[in-house]
Amino acid sequence: MRRHVDHQDVRFAIPLRAYFGLTLAISWGAELPPMPFTREQFFDVFAAYNTALWPGAVALWIASVLICALMLRASGRSAGRVISALLAIHWAWSGLAYHVTFFTRINPAAWLFAAMFLVQAGLLLWTGVVKGRLRFTTTHSAWTFVAQAFIAYALVYPAINAAQHLSVSRIPTFGVPCPTTIFTAGLLMIGNPHLWRLSAIPIIWSAIAGSAAFSLGVHADYALPVAAVALVASSFRQSGIPNEDREETGHDDDRSKSLRPARRKRSS
């Protein structure tokens, strides 16, 4: 008898296994490859970003607060499209405004990171805005509370860094990759359906940036691996084995039901 292999399981198993493998390596004290930049250069990048693009970062923060406050109360398709568009803007902004414009100056891998972020922006745009498949609903459950905690954490992320580093210029603020990832994880936890293809890149980035946070001393980024694990646990709880939630909202089930009478007639 032929064993059915879910291709969505296979696709998601790769980044998930890599994430937990890296997390275990860090916890066991394994040495990570040296970074191609110093801690000073890293924070110099944020100083340049904040000086040049602070109006855009402030506008993105205000839009995020307003949209979350207003749209999470409405669980319809229009609200889902608006929140999906907001997330797509976050990832595109991080990819272009941060990675391409500034981070590539000190790290050649930032070109790959930028591509990852633009892919994530495209997935959110296509799935949530064009297709209108995503809904974001809040309930009185513990998972909703956890998701809201991550959303709130991402919004106060600049203040956490300002308190740690006693600065408002040479710190990660808003619109940069790490708060974007935490913000996205929180929203995807209350998103429906739970699509693993939308979670893969945030989980991969949580492993990359979460490991760097310990080396660079960015305490606010310690939440990244926690958010990734919570997103995985929440998604498995909601959708069980990853199967893309019966792609296209269960049309395959309807088609299989319609074929059952025909199969019975042939067998009789």
Foldseek 3Di string as FASTA:
>chain_A
DDDDDQVLLVVQVVLVVVLVVLVVCVVVPHDDDDAQDDLVLLLVLQLVLCVPCVVVQVVLLVVLVVLCVPLQVPFDLVSQQVVLLSLLCLLQLQLPSRLVPGVCVRHVCSPVVSVLSNVLSVVSCVCCHVVSQKTFYADPDPLLVVLVVLLVLLSCVQVVQCVVVVDNRSTDHGSHPQSSLSNVLSRLLRMPPNASVNLSSSSNVLSVVCSVCVVSVSVSSVCSNVSSVSSVVSNCVRQPRHNRCCPPPPPVVVVVVVCVVVVVVVVD
